[in-house]
Amino acid sequence: MKGRGLAHEVGSAIAVRRKTKGLTQAQVAEAMGVEKETISRMENGVISPTLSRLKQIADVLDCSLSDLFRTGSTDIYDQAESISEMIQSLEEGERAMVVKFVAEVVKVLKGRSGA
């Protein structure tokens, strides 16, 4: 977090989770009863959300409060879950295309590593 404030880091985590869920700032704002600009300012680190606001955001984004403080998960299961959530928002044909693309990347990487 060096060089960036906690508000900015939390805001970035909120934005990533919101986008992963396929929600707009306006949708999150409406669910919370605040203006869209409020969500934008939180995500950009302009304002720091209170703990009660963070709890509201976590509820809307269907995650734990601590998830909003994770900015770059290195846990492979968290990453896979995030990718799965992103893919679920696609149409069936698009999902098939993504799966085929990933399969091709895996083939290339396995061939390169000699596995």
PDB file of N, CA and C in Angstrom:
ATOM      1  N   MET A   1       0.800  -1.197   0.000  1.00  0.00           N
ATOM      2  CA  MET A   1       0.000   0.000   0.000  1.00  0.00           C
ATOM      3  C   MET A   1       0.843   1.261   0.000  1.00  0.00           C
ATOM      4  N   LYS A   2       2.134   1.112   0.021  1.00  0.00           N
ATOM      5  CA  LYS A   2       3.016   2.257   0.075  1.00  0.00           C
ATOM      6  C   LYS A   2       2.764   3.181  -1.104  1.00  0.00           C
ATOM      7  N   GLY A   3       2.658   4.466  -0.823  1.00  0.00           N
ATOM      8  CA  GLY A   3       2.442   5.444  -1.876  1.00  0.00           C
ATOM      9  C   GLY A   3       0.969   5.682  -2.181  1.00  0.00           C
ATOM     10  N   ARG A   4       0.124   4.819  -1.698  1.00  0.00           N
ATOM     11  CA  ARG A   4      -1.315   4.971  -1.905  1.00  0.00           C
ATOM     12  C   ARG A   4      -1.990   4.834  -0.559  1.00  0.00           C
ATOM     13  N   GLY A   5      -2.991   5.635  -0.326  1.00  0.00           N
ATOM     14  CA  GLY A   5      -3.685   5.600   0.947  1.00  0.00           C
ATOM     15  C   GLY A   5      -4.609   4.407   1.069  1.00  0.00           C
ATOM     16  N   LEU A   6      -4.956   4.106   2.287  1.00  0.00           N
ATOM     17  CA  LEU A   6      -5.870   3.001   2.570  1.00  0.00           C
ATOM     18  C   LEU A   6      -7.207   3.217   1.870  1.00  0.00           C
ATOM     19  N   ALA A   7      -7.703   4.443   1.851  1.00  0.00           N
ATOM     20  CA  ALA A   7      -8.981   4.729   1.189  1.00  0.00           C
ATOM     21  C   ALA A   7      -8.914   4.363  -0.291  1.00  0.00           C
ATOM     22  N   HIS A   8      -7.783   4.637  -0.909  1.00  0.00           N
ATOM     23  CA  HIS A   8      -7.620   4.305  -2.337  1.00  0.00           C
ATOM     24  C   HIS A   8      -7.563   2.793  -2.532  1.00  0.00           C
ATOM     25  N   GLU A   9      -6.854   2.102  -1.663  1.00  0.00           N
ATOM     26  CA  GLU A   9      -6.735   0.643  -1.760  1.00  0.00           C
ATOM     27  C   GLU A   9      -8.090  -0.029  -1.572  1.00  0.00           C
ATOM     28  N   VAL A  10      -8.834   0.413  -0.559  1.00  0.00           N
ATOM     29  CA  VAL A  10     -10.163  -0.148  -0.309  1.00  0.00           C
ATOM     30  C   VAL A  10     -11.086   0.187  -1.480  1.00  0.00           C
ATOM     31  N   GLY A  11     -10.999   1.410  -1.965  1.00  0.00           N
ATOM     32  CA  GLY A  11     -11.818   1.818  -3.104  1.00  0.00           C
ATOM     33  C   GLY A  11     -11.556   0.960  -4.329  1.00  0.00           C
ATOM     34  N   SER A  12     -10.303   0.647  -4.566  1.00  0.00           N
ATOM     35  CA  SER A  12      -9.949  -0.215  -5.700  1.00  0.00           C
ATOM     36  C   SER A  12     -10.524  -1.614  -5.518  1.00  0.00           C
ATOM     37  N   ALA A  13     -10.454  -2.132  -4.297  1.00  0.00           N
ATOM     38  CA  ALA A  13     -11.004  -3.460  -4.025  1.00  0.00           C
ATOM     39  C   ALA A  13     -12.520  -3.471  -4.225  1.00  0.00           C
ATOM     40  N   ILE A  14     -13.183  -2.395  -3.813  1.00  0.00           N
ATOM     41  CA  ILE A  14     -14.631  -2.277  -4.012  1.00  0.00           C
ATOM     42  C   ILE A  14     -14.944  -2.280  -5.505  1.00  0.00           C
ATOM     43  N   ALA A  15     -14.206  -1.503  -6.267  1.00  0.00           N
ATOM     44  CA  ALA A  15     -14.448  -1.412  -7.713  1.00  0.00           C
ATOM     45  C   ALA A  15     -14.254  -2.768  -8.388  1.00  0.00           C
ATOM     46  N   VAL A  16     -13.213  -3.485  -8.020  1.00  0.00           N
ATOM     47  CA  VAL A  16     -12.956  -4.794  -8.616  1.00  0.00           C
ATOM     48  C   VAL A  16     -14.091  -5.754  -8.285  1.00  0.00           C
ATOM     49  N   ARG A  17     -14.494  -5.795  -7.033  1.00  0.00           N
ATOM     50  CA  ARG A  17     -15.587  -6.699  -6.635  1.00  0.00           C
ATOM     51  C   ARG A  17     -16.893  -6.318  -7.325  1.00  0.00           C
ATOM     52  N   ARG A  18     -17.158  -5.025  -7.422  1.00  0.00           N
ATOM     53  CA  ARG A  18     -18.389  -4.557  -8.074  1.00  0.00           C
ATOM     54  C   ARG A  18     -18.413  -4.989  -9.533  1.00  0.00           C
ATOM     55  N   LYS A  19     -17.301  -4.774 -10.217  1.00  0.00           N
ATOM     56  CA  LYS A  19     -17.222  -5.133 -11.640  1.00  0.00           C
ATOM     57  C   LYS A  19     -17.318  -6.639 -11.830  1.00  0.00           C
ATOM     58  N   THR A  20     -16.690  -7.396 -10.944  1.00  0.00           N
ATOM     59  CA  THR A  20     -16.752  -8.852 -11.008  1.00  0.00           C
ATOM     60  C   THR A  20     -18.195  -9.338 -10.885  1.00  0.00           C
ATOM     61  N   LYS A  21     -18.958  -8.656 -10.066  1.00  0.00           N
ATOM     62  CA  LYS A  21     -20.369  -9.006  -9.887  1.00  0.00           C
ATOM     63  C   LYS A  21     -21.235  -8.503 -11.036  1.00  0.00           C
ATOM     64  N   GLY A  22     -20.651  -7.714 -11.916  1.00  0.00           N
ATOM     65  CA  GLY A  22     -21.400  -7.187 -13.050  1.00  0.00           C
ATOM     66  C   GLY A  22     -22.342  -6.057 -12.689  1.00  0.00           C
ATOM     67  N   LEU A  23     -22.015  -5.347 -11.613  1.00  0.00           N
ATOM     68  CA  LEU A  23     -22.855  -4.241 -11.158  1.00  0.00           C
ATOM     69  C   LEU A  23     -22.260  -2.898 -11.554  1.00  0.00           C
ATOM     70  N   THR A  24     -23.129  -1.939 -11.772  1.00  0.00           N
ATOM     71  CA  THR A  24     -22.680  -0.574 -12.033  1.00  0.00           C
ATOM     72  C   THR A  24     -22.606   0.178 -10.712  1.00  0.00           C
ATOM     73  N   GLN A  25     -21.928   1.317 -10.737  1.00  0.00           N
ATOM     74  CA  GLN A  25     -21.901   2.167  -9.548  1.00  0.00           C
ATOM     75  C   GLN A  25     -23.315   2.600  -9.184  1.00  0.00           C
ATOM     76  N   ALA A  26     -24.124   2.875 -10.193  1.00  0.00           N
ATOM     77  CA  ALA A  26     -25.506   3.309  -9.953  1.00  0.00           C
ATOM     78  C   ALA A  26     -26.314   2.221  -9.255  1.00  0.00           C
ATOM     79  N   GLN A  27     -26.111   0.968  -9.638  1.00  0.00           N
ATOM     80  CA  GLN A  27     -26.841  -0.129  -9.005  1.00  0.00           C
ATOM     81  C   GLN A  27     -26.437  -0.296  -7.538  1.00  0.00           C
ATOM     82  N   VAL A  28     -25.154  -0.189  -7.273  1.00  0.00           N
ATOM     83  CA  VAL A  28     -24.681  -0.296  -5.886  1.00  0.00           C
ATOM     84  C   VAL A  28     -25.231   0.872  -5.074  1.00  0.00           C
ATOM     85  N   ALA A  29     -25.161   2.058  -5.653  1.00  0.00           N
ATOM     86  CA  ALA A  29     -25.664   3.252  -4.957  1.00  0.00           C
ATOM     87  C   ALA A  29     -27.149   3.115  -4.633  1.00  0.00           C
ATOM     88  N   GLU A  30     -27.918   2.642  -5.600  1.00  0.00           N
ATOM     89  CA  GLU A  30     -29.357   2.490  -5.377  1.00  0.00           C
ATOM     90  C   GLU A  30     -29.637   1.488  -4.260  1.00  0.00           C
ATOM     91  N   ALA A  31     -28.898   0.380  -4.260  1.00  0.00           N
ATOM     92  CA  ALA A  31     -29.080  -0.637  -3.219  1.00  0.00           C
ATOM     93  C   ALA A  31     -28.741  -0.106  -1.834  1.00  0.00           C
ATOM     94  N   MET A  32     -27.820   0.859  -1.791  1.00  0.00           N
ATOM     95  CA  MET A  32     -27.392   1.427  -0.514  1.00  0.00           C
ATOM     96  C   MET A  32     -28.159   2.683  -0.124  1.00  0.00           C
ATOM     97  N   GLY A  33     -28.896   3.252  -1.073  1.00  0.00           N
ATOM     98  CA  GLY A  33     -29.620   4.487  -0.787  1.00  0.00           C
ATOM     99  C   GLY A  33     -28.736   5.719  -0.768  1.00  0.00           C
ATOM    100  N   VAL A  34     -27.702   5.704  -1.618  1.00  0.00           N
ATOM    101  CA  VAL A  34     -26.806   6.857  -1.724  1.00  0.00           C
ATOM    102  C   VAL A  34     -26.718   7.267  -3.191  1.00  0.00           C
ATOM    103  N   GLU A  35     -26.061   8.382  -3.453  1.00  0.00           N
ATOM    104  CA  GLU A  35     -25.871   8.857  -4.819  1.00  0.00           C
ATOM    105  C   GLU A  35     -24.759   8.055  -5.504  1.00  0.00           C
ATOM    106  N   LYS A  36     -24.839   7.915  -6.819  1.00  0.00           N
ATOM    107  CA  LYS A  36     -23.812   7.234  -7.596  1.00  0.00           C
ATOM    108  C   LYS A  36     -22.452   7.897  -7.373  1.00  0.00           C
ATOM    109  N   GLU A  37     -22.452   9.212  -7.267  1.00  0.00           N
ATOM    110  CA  GLU A  37     -21.214   9.958  -7.053  1.00  0.00           C
ATOM    111  C   GLU A  37     -20.511   9.509  -5.763  1.00  0.00           C
ATOM    112  N   THR A  38     -21.281   9.128  -4.763  1.00  0.00           N
ATOM    113  CA  THR A  38     -20.705   8.656  -3.500  1.00  0.00           C
ATOM    114  C   THR A  38     -19.903   7.388  -3.736  1.00  0.00           C
ATOM    115  N   ILE A  39     -20.460   6.468  -4.511  1.00  0.00           N
ATOM    116  CA  ILE A  39     -19.748   5.225  -4.810  1.00  0.00           C
ATOM    117  C   ILE A  39     -18.494   5.530  -5.624  1.00  0.00           C
ATOM    118  N   SER A  40     -18.624   6.404  -6.599  1.00  0.00           N
ATOM    119  CA  SER A  40     -17.477   6.795  -7.414  1.00  0.00           C
ATOM    120  C   SER A  40     -16.365   7.380  -6.545  1.00  0.00           C
ATOM    121  N   ARG A  41     -16.731   8.238  -5.639  1.00  0.00           N
ATOM    122  CA  ARG A  41     -15.723   8.879  -4.778  1.00  0.00           C
ATOM    123  C   ARG A  41     -15.065   7.869  -3.843  1.00  0.00           C
ATOM    124  N   MET A  42     -15.847   6.889  -3.365  1.00  0.00           N
ATOM    125  CA  MET A  42     -15.274   5.830  -2.523  1.00  0.00           C
ATOM    126  C   MET A  42     -14.283   5.001  -3.332  1.00  0.00           C
ATOM    127  N   GLU A  43     -14.706   4.592  -4.540  1.00  0.00           N
ATOM    128  CA  GLU A  43     -13.849   3.752  -5.372  1.00  0.00           C
ATOM    129  C   GLU A  43     -12.562   4.459  -5.779  1.00  0.00           C
ATOM    130  N   ASN A  44     -12.613   5.760  -5.931  1.00  0.00           N
ATOM    131  CA  ASN A  44     -11.437   6.528  -6.320  1.00  0.00           C
ATOM    132  C   ASN A  44     -10.599   6.988  -5.134  1.00  0.00           C
ATOM    133  N   GLY A  45     -11.017   6.630  -3.924  1.00  0.00           N
ATOM    134  CA  GLY A  45     -10.256   6.979  -2.732  1.00  0.00           C
ATOM    135  C   GLY A  45     -10.373   8.430  -2.332  1.00  0.00           C
ATOM    136  N   VAL A  46     -11.351   9.141  -2.900  1.00  0.00           N
ATOM    137  CA  VAL A  46     -11.557  10.549  -2.568  1.00  0.00           C
ATOM    138  C   VAL A  46     -12.146  10.674  -1.175  1.00  0.00           C
ATOM    139  N   ILE A  47     -13.058   9.756  -0.847  1.00  0.00           N
ATOM    140  CA  ILE A  47     -13.636   9.727   0.504  1.00  0.00           C
ATOM    141  C   ILE A  47     -13.448   8.340   1.098  1.00  0.00           C
ATOM    142  N   SER A  48     -13.369   8.285   2.401  1.00  0.00           N
ATOM    143  CA  SER A  48     -13.230   7.015   3.116  1.00  0.00           C
ATOM    144  C   SER A  48     -14.590   6.587   3.638  1.00  0.00           C
ATOM    145  N   PRO A  49     -15.052   5.404   3.249  1.00  0.00           N
ATOM    146  CA  PRO A  49     -16.339   4.943   3.772  1.00  0.00           C
ATOM    147  C   PRO A  49     -16.237   4.595   5.250  1.00  0.00           C
ATOM    148  N   THR A  50     -17.316   4.835   5.959  1.00  0.00           N
ATOM    149  CA  THR A  50     -17.373   4.448   7.371  1.00  0.00           C
ATOM    150  C   THR A  50     -17.498   2.930   7.449  1.00  0.00           C
ATOM    151  N   LEU A  51     -17.316   2.397   8.639  1.00  0.00           N
ATOM    152  CA  LEU A  51     -17.468   0.950   8.817  1.00  0.00           C
ATOM    153  C   LEU A  51     -18.884   0.498   8.470  1.00  0.00           C
ATOM    154  N   SER A  52     -19.881   1.285   8.841  1.00  0.00           N
ATOM    155  CA  SER A  52     -21.256   0.891   8.516  1.00  0.00           C
ATOM    156  C   SER A  52     -21.484   0.906   7.008  1.00  0.00           C
ATOM    157  N   ARG A  53     -20.890   1.874   6.296  1.00  0.00           N
ATOM    158  CA  ARG A  53     -20.997   1.910   4.835  1.00  0.00           C
ATOM    159  C   ARG A  53     -20.250   0.713   4.221  1.00  0.00           C
ATOM    160  N   LEU A  54     -19.090   0.392   4.753  1.00  0.00           N
ATOM    161  CA  LEU A  54     -18.344  -0.762   4.253  1.00  0.00           C
ATOM    162  C   LEU A  54     -19.161  -2.043   4.423  1.00  0.00           C
ATOM    163  N   LYS A  55     -19.857  -2.161   5.544  1.00  0.00           N
ATOM    164  CA  LYS A  55     -20.706  -3.331   5.781  1.00  0.00           C
ATOM    165  C   LYS A  55     -21.828  -3.372   4.751  1.00  0.00           C
ATOM    166  N   GLN A  56     -22.439  -2.221   4.455  1.00  0.00           N
ATOM    167  CA  GLN A  56     -23.481  -2.155   3.432  1.00  0.00           C
ATOM    168  C   GLN A  56     -22.932  -2.599   2.081  1.00  0.00           C
ATOM    169  N   ILE A  57     -21.771  -2.094   1.735  1.00  0.00           N
ATOM    170  CA  ILE A  57     -21.148  -2.441   0.451  1.00  0.00           C
ATOM    171  C   ILE A  57     -20.875  -3.940   0.391  1.00  0.00           C
ATOM    172  N   ALA A  58     -20.322  -4.486   1.472  1.00  0.00           N
ATOM    173  CA  ALA A  58     -20.039  -5.922   1.512  1.00  0.00           C
ATOM    174  C   ALA A  58     -21.324  -6.725   1.319  1.00  0.00           C
ATOM    175  N   ASP A  59     -22.402  -6.289   1.938  1.00  0.00           N
ATOM    176  CA  ASP A  59     -23.679  -6.985   1.782  1.00  0.00           C
ATOM    177  C   ASP A  59     -24.163  -6.921   0.333  1.00  0.00           C
ATOM    178  N   VAL A  60     -24.081  -5.739  -0.271  1.00  0.00           N
ATOM    179  CA  VAL A  60     -24.519  -5.569  -1.665  1.00  0.00           C
ATOM    180  C   VAL A  60     -23.658  -6.413  -2.605  1.00  0.00           C
ATOM    181  N   LEU A  61     -22.360  -6.481  -2.329  1.00  0.00           N
ATOM    182  CA  LEU A  61     -21.440  -7.215  -3.194  1.00  0.00           C
ATOM    183  C   LEU A  61     -21.321  -8.689  -2.810  1.00  0.00           C
ATOM    184  N   ASP A  62     -22.086  -9.084  -1.793  1.00  0.00           N
ATOM    185  CA  ASP A  62     -22.122 -10.473  -1.345  1.00  0.00           C
ATOM    186  C   ASP A  62     -20.730 -10.999  -1.003  1.00  0.00           C
ATOM    187  N   CYS A  63     -20.024 -10.222  -0.162  1.00  0.00           N
ATOM    188  CA  CYS A  63     -18.699 -10.640   0.269  1.00  0.00           C
ATOM    189  C   CYS A  63     -18.545 -10.277   1.745  1.00  0.00           C
ATOM    190  N   SER A  64     -17.451 -10.701   2.338  1.00  0.00           N
ATOM    191  CA  SER A  64     -17.201 -10.349   3.736  1.00  0.00           C
ATOM    192  C   SER A  64     -16.568  -8.960   3.806  1.00  0.00           C
ATOM    193  N   LEU A  65     -16.662  -8.362   4.953  1.00  0.00           N
ATOM    194  CA  LEU A  65     -16.052  -7.052   5.170  1.00  0.00           C
ATOM    195  C   LEU A  65     -14.547  -7.117   4.920  1.00  0.00           C
ATOM    196  N   SER A  66     -13.922  -8.200   5.349  1.00  0.00           N
ATOM    197  CA  SER A  66     -12.469  -8.330   5.162  1.00  0.00           C
ATOM    198  C   SER A  66     -12.090  -8.437   3.688  1.00  0.00           C
ATOM    199  N   ASP A  67     -13.001  -8.937   2.845  1.00  0.00           N
ATOM    200  CA  ASP A  67     -12.714  -9.015   1.414  1.00  0.00           C
ATOM    201  C   ASP A  67     -12.462  -7.632   0.817  1.00  0.00           C
ATOM    202  N   LEU A  68     -13.053  -6.611   1.401  1.00  0.00           N
ATOM    203  CA  LEU A  68     -12.890  -5.253   0.881  1.00  0.00           C
ATOM    204  C   LEU A  68     -11.512  -4.672   1.190  1.00  0.00           C
ATOM    205  N   PHE A  69     -10.748  -5.375   2.014  1.00  0.00           N
ATOM    206  CA  PHE A  69      -9.402  -4.923   2.346  1.00  0.00           C
ATOM    207  C   PHE A  69      -8.340  -5.740   1.621  1.00  0.00           C
ATOM    208  N   ARG A  70      -8.782  -6.686   0.795  1.00  0.00           N
ATOM    209  CA  ARG A  70      -7.862  -7.485  -0.016  1.00  0.00           C
ATOM    210  C   ARG A  70      -7.738  -6.824  -1.374  1.00  0.00           C
ATOM    211  N   THR A  71      -6.524  -6.471  -1.733  1.00  0.00           N
ATOM    212  CA  THR A  71      -6.355  -5.731  -2.984  1.00  0.00           C
ATOM    213  C   THR A  71      -5.737  -6.542  -4.103  1.00  0.00           C
ATOM    214  N   GLY A  72      -5.160  -7.637  -3.813  1.00  0.00           N
ATOM    215  CA  GLY A  72      -4.545  -8.428  -4.876  1.00  0.00           C
ATOM    216  C   GLY A  72      -4.328  -9.835  -4.387  1.00  0.00           C
ATOM    217  N   SER A  73      -5.403 -10.558  -4.272  1.00  0.00           N
ATOM    218  CA  SER A  73      -5.320 -11.887  -3.701  1.00  0.00           C
ATOM    219  C   SER A  73      -4.313 -12.747  -4.442  1.00  0.00           C
ATOM    220  N   THR A  74      -3.468 -13.405  -3.678  1.00  0.00           N
ATOM    221  CA  THR A  74      -2.540 -14.349  -4.275  1.00  0.00           C
ATOM    222  C   THR A  74      -3.038 -15.770  -4.053  1.00  0.00           C
ATOM    223  N   ASP A  75      -4.158 -15.914  -3.366  1.00  0.00           N
ATOM    224  CA  ASP A  75      -4.739 -17.225  -3.127  1.00  0.00           C
ATOM    225  C   ASP A  75      -5.369 -17.731  -4.421  1.00  0.00           C
ATOM    226  N   ILE A  76      -4.900 -18.854  -4.914  1.00  0.00           N
ATOM    227  CA  ILE A  76      -5.349 -19.383  -6.196  1.00  0.00           C
ATOM    228  C   ILE A  76      -6.842 -19.673  -6.199  1.00  0.00           C
ATOM    229  N   TYR A  77      -7.398 -20.072  -5.048  1.00  0.00           N
ATOM    230  CA  TYR A  77      -8.828 -20.370  -4.997  1.00  0.00           C
ATOM    231  C   TYR A  77      -9.656 -19.098  -5.089  1.00  0.00           C
ATOM    232  N   ASP A  78      -9.194 -18.016  -4.473  1.00  0.00           N
ATOM    233  CA  ASP A  78      -9.884 -16.731  -4.598  1.00  0.00           C
ATOM    234  C   ASP A  78      -9.852 -16.250  -6.044  1.00  0.00           C
ATOM    235  N   GLN A  79      -8.703 -16.411  -6.691  1.00  0.00           N
ATOM    236  CA  GLN A  79      -8.572 -15.982  -8.080  1.00  0.00           C
ATOM    237  C   GLN A  79      -9.485 -16.806  -8.988  1.00  0.00           C
ATOM    238  N   ALA A  80      -9.528 -18.114  -8.768  1.00  0.00           N
ATOM    239  CA  ALA A  80     -10.379 -18.977  -9.589  1.00  0.00           C
ATOM    240  C   ALA A  80     -11.848 -18.630  -9.380  1.00  0.00           C
ATOM    241  N   GLU A  81     -12.224 -18.347  -8.154  1.00  0.00           N
ATOM    242  CA  GLU A  81     -13.609 -17.963  -7.869  1.00  0.00           C
ATOM    243  C   GLU A  81     -13.960 -16.657  -8.572  1.00  0.00           C
ATOM    244  N   SER A  82     -13.050 -15.719  -8.549  1.00  0.00           N
ATOM    245  CA  SER A  82     -13.275 -14.440  -9.205  1.00  0.00           C
ATOM    246  C   SER A  82     -13.431 -14.623 -10.714  1.00  0.00           C
ATOM    247  N   ILE A  83     -12.585 -15.439 -11.301  1.00  0.00           N
ATOM    248  CA  ILE A  83     -12.676 -15.706 -12.739  1.00  0.00           C
ATOM    249  C   ILE A  83     -13.991 -16.404 -13.058  1.00  0.00           C
ATOM    250  N   SER A  84     -14.366 -17.347 -12.225  1.00  0.00           N
ATOM    251  CA  SER A  84     -15.627 -18.053 -12.435  1.00  0.00           C
ATOM    252  C   SER A  84     -16.809 -17.095 -12.402  1.00  0.00           C
ATOM    253  N   GLU A  85     -16.802 -16.167 -11.465  1.00  0.00           N
ATOM    254  CA  GLU A  85     -17.885 -15.185 -11.377  1.00  0.00           C
ATOM    255  C   GLU A  85     -17.938 -14.308 -12.625  1.00  0.00           C
ATOM    256  N   MET A  86     -16.777 -13.929 -13.133  1.00  0.00           N
ATOM    257  CA  MET A  86     -16.745 -13.105 -14.344  1.00  0.00           C
ATOM    258  C   MET A  86     -17.310 -13.870 -15.533  1.00  0.00           C
ATOM    259  N   ILE A  87     -16.909 -15.134 -15.657  1.00  0.00           N
ATOM    260  CA  ILE A  87     -17.356 -15.947 -16.788  1.00  0.00           C
ATOM    261  C   ILE A  87     -18.857 -16.191 -16.731  1.00  0.00           C
ATOM    262  N   GLN A  88     -19.409 -16.343 -15.537  1.00  0.00           N
ATOM    263  CA  GLN A  88     -20.845 -16.607 -15.389  1.00  0.00           C
ATOM    264  C   GLN A  88     -21.698 -15.492 -15.966  1.00  0.00           C
ATOM    265  N   SER A  89     -21.171 -14.281 -16.014  1.00  0.00           N
ATOM    266  CA  SER A  89     -21.945 -13.149 -16.528  1.00  0.00           C
ATOM    267  C   SER A  89     -21.990 -13.118 -18.056  1.00  0.00           C
ATOM    268  N   LEU A  90     -21.249 -14.024 -18.710  1.00  0.00           N
ATOM    269  CA  LEU A  90     -21.209 -14.061 -20.169  1.00  0.00           C
ATOM    270  C   LEU A  90     -22.315 -14.963 -20.724  1.00  0.00           C
ATOM    271  N   GLU A  91     -22.613 -14.758 -21.992  1.00  0.00           N
ATOM    272  CA  GLU A  91     -23.552 -15.646 -22.677  1.00  0.00           C
ATOM    273  C   GLU A  91     -22.862 -16.986 -22.908  1.00  0.00           C
ATOM    274  N   GLU A  92     -23.672 -18.019 -23.170  1.00  0.00           N
ATOM    275  CA  GLU A  92     -23.137 -19.373 -23.295  1.00  0.00           C
ATOM    276  C   GLU A  92     -22.025 -19.477 -24.339  1.00  0.00           C
ATOM    277  N   GLY A  93     -22.221 -18.897 -25.508  1.00  0.00           N
ATOM    278  CA  GLY A  93     -21.208 -18.947 -26.558  1.00  0.00           C
ATOM    279  C   GLY A  93     -19.928 -18.247 -26.145  1.00  0.00           C
ATOM    280  N   GLU A  94     -20.064 -17.137 -25.433  1.00  0.00           N
ATOM    281  CA  GLU A  94     -18.884 -16.401 -24.961  1.00  0.00           C
ATOM    282  C   GLU A  94     -18.132 -17.220 -23.919  1.00  0.00           C
ATOM    283  N   ARG A  95     -18.878 -17.894 -23.021  1.00  0.00           N
ATOM    284  CA  ARG A  95     -18.231 -18.751 -22.011  1.00  0.00           C
ATOM    285  C   ARG A  95     -17.438 -19.851 -22.699  1.00  0.00           C
ATOM    286  N   ALA A  96     -18.019 -20.468 -23.724  1.00  0.00           N
ATOM    287  CA  ALA A  96     -17.333 -21.540 -24.447  1.00  0.00           C
ATOM    288  C   ALA A  96     -16.045 -21.016 -25.082  1.00  0.00           C
ATOM    289  N   MET A  97     -16.106 -19.802 -25.630  1.00  0.00           N
ATOM    290  CA  MET A  97     -14.928 -19.206 -26.244  1.00  0.00           C
ATOM    291  C   MET A  97     -13.826 -18.982 -25.203  1.00  0.00           C
ATOM    292  N   VAL A  98     -14.196 -18.501 -24.019  1.00  0.00           N
ATOM    293  CA  VAL A  98     -13.204 -18.263 -22.960  1.00  0.00           C
ATOM    294  C   VAL A  98     -12.579 -19.577 -22.519  1.00  0.00           C
ATOM    295  N   VAL A  99     -13.391 -20.605 -22.335  1.00  0.00           N
ATOM    296  CA  VAL A  99     -12.874 -21.908 -21.909  1.00  0.00           C
ATOM    297  C   VAL A  99     -11.919 -22.461 -22.960  1.00  0.00           C
ATOM    298  N   LYS A 100     -12.282 -22.350 -24.238  1.00  0.00           N
ATOM    299  CA  LYS A 100     -11.410 -22.830 -25.316  1.00  0.00           C
ATOM    300  C   LYS A 100     -10.085 -22.065 -25.322  1.00  0.00           C
ATOM    301  N   PHE A 101     -10.164 -20.750 -25.127  1.00  0.00           N
ATOM    302  CA  PHE A 101      -8.962 -19.923 -25.085  1.00  0.00           C
ATOM    303  C   PHE A 101      -8.048 -20.348 -23.931  1.00  0.00           C
ATOM    304  N   VAL A 102      -8.627 -20.552 -22.755  1.00  0.00           N
ATOM    305  CA  VAL A 102      -7.831 -20.959 -21.589  1.00  0.00           C
ATOM    306  C   VAL A 102      -7.191 -22.318 -21.853  1.00  0.00           C
ATOM    307  N   ALA A 103      -7.947 -23.244 -22.454  1.00  0.00           N
ATOM    308  CA  ALA A 103      -7.402 -24.566 -22.759  1.00  0.00           C
ATOM    309  C   ALA A 103      -6.198 -24.450 -23.694  1.00  0.00           C
ATOM    310  N   GLU A 104      -6.286 -23.560 -24.681  1.00  0.00           N
ATOM    311  CA  GLU A 104      -5.170 -23.369 -25.607  1.00  0.00           C
ATOM    312  C   GLU A 104      -3.952 -22.765 -24.904  1.00  0.00           C
ATOM    313  N   VAL A 105      -4.185 -21.822 -24.010  1.00  0.00           N
ATOM    314  CA  VAL A 105      -3.079 -21.218 -23.255  1.00  0.00           C
ATOM    315  C   VAL A 105      -2.396 -22.272 -22.393  1.00  0.00           C
ATOM    316  N   VAL A 106      -3.182 -23.124 -21.752  1.00  0.00           N
ATOM    317  CA  VAL A 106      -2.614 -24.191 -20.917  1.00  0.00           C
ATOM    318  C   VAL A 106      -1.755 -25.129 -21.765  1.00  0.00           C
ATOM    319  N   LYS A 107      -2.239 -25.492 -22.940  1.00  0.00           N
ATOM    320  CA  LYS A 107      -1.459 -26.344 -23.846  1.00  0.00           C
ATOM    321  C   LYS A 107      -0.110 -25.715 -24.180  1.00  0.00           C
ATOM    322  N   VAL A 108      -0.155 -24.442 -24.528  1.00  0.00           N
ATOM    323  CA  VAL A 108       1.094 -23.733 -24.873  1.00  0.00           C
ATOM    324  C   VAL A 108       2.040 -23.707 -23.694  1.00  0.00           C
ATOM    325  N   LEU A 109       1.540 -23.394 -22.521  1.00  0.00           N
ATOM    326  CA  LEU A 109       2.392 -23.313 -21.333  1.00  0.00           C
ATOM    327  C   LEU A 109       2.964 -24.676 -20.952  1.00  0.00           C
ATOM    328  N   LYS A 110       2.152 -25.705 -21.073  1.00  0.00           N
ATOM    329  CA  LYS A 110       2.654 -27.059 -20.770  1.00  0.00           C
ATOM    330  C   LYS A 110       3.733 -27.451 -21.758  1.00  0.00           C
ATOM    331  N   GLY A 111       3.537 -27.138 -23.025  1.00  0.00           N
ATOM    332  CA  GLY A 111       4.535 -27.458 -24.048  1.00  0.00           C
ATOM    333  C   GLY A 111       5.831 -26.713 -23.831  1.00  0.00           C
ATOM    334  N   ARG A 112       5.723 -25.474 -23.371  1.00  0.00           N
ATOM    335  CA  ARG A 112       6.906 -24.647 -23.129  1.00  0.00           C
ATOM    336  C   ARG A 112       7.702 -25.158 -21.938  1.00  0.00           C
ATOM    337  N   SER A 113       6.986 -25.649 -20.915  1.00  0.00           N
ATOM    338  CA  SER A 113       7.668 -26.077 -19.697  1.00  0.00           C
ATOM    339  C   SER A 113       8.118 -27.544 -19.774  1.00  0.00           C
ATOM    340  N   GLY A 114       7.704 -28.225 -20.850  1.00  0.00           N
ATOM    341  CA  GLY A 114       8.098 -29.617 -20.996  1.00  0.00           C
ATOM    342  C   GLY A 114       7.289 -30.550 -20.146  1.00  0.00           C
ATOM    343  N   ALA A 115       6.170 -30.071 -19.583  1.00  0.00           N
ATOM    344  CA  ALA A 115       5.335 -30.904 -18.720  1.00  0.00           C
ATOM    345  C   ALA A 115       4.493 -31.877 -19.501  1.00  0.00           C
TER     346      ALA A 115
END
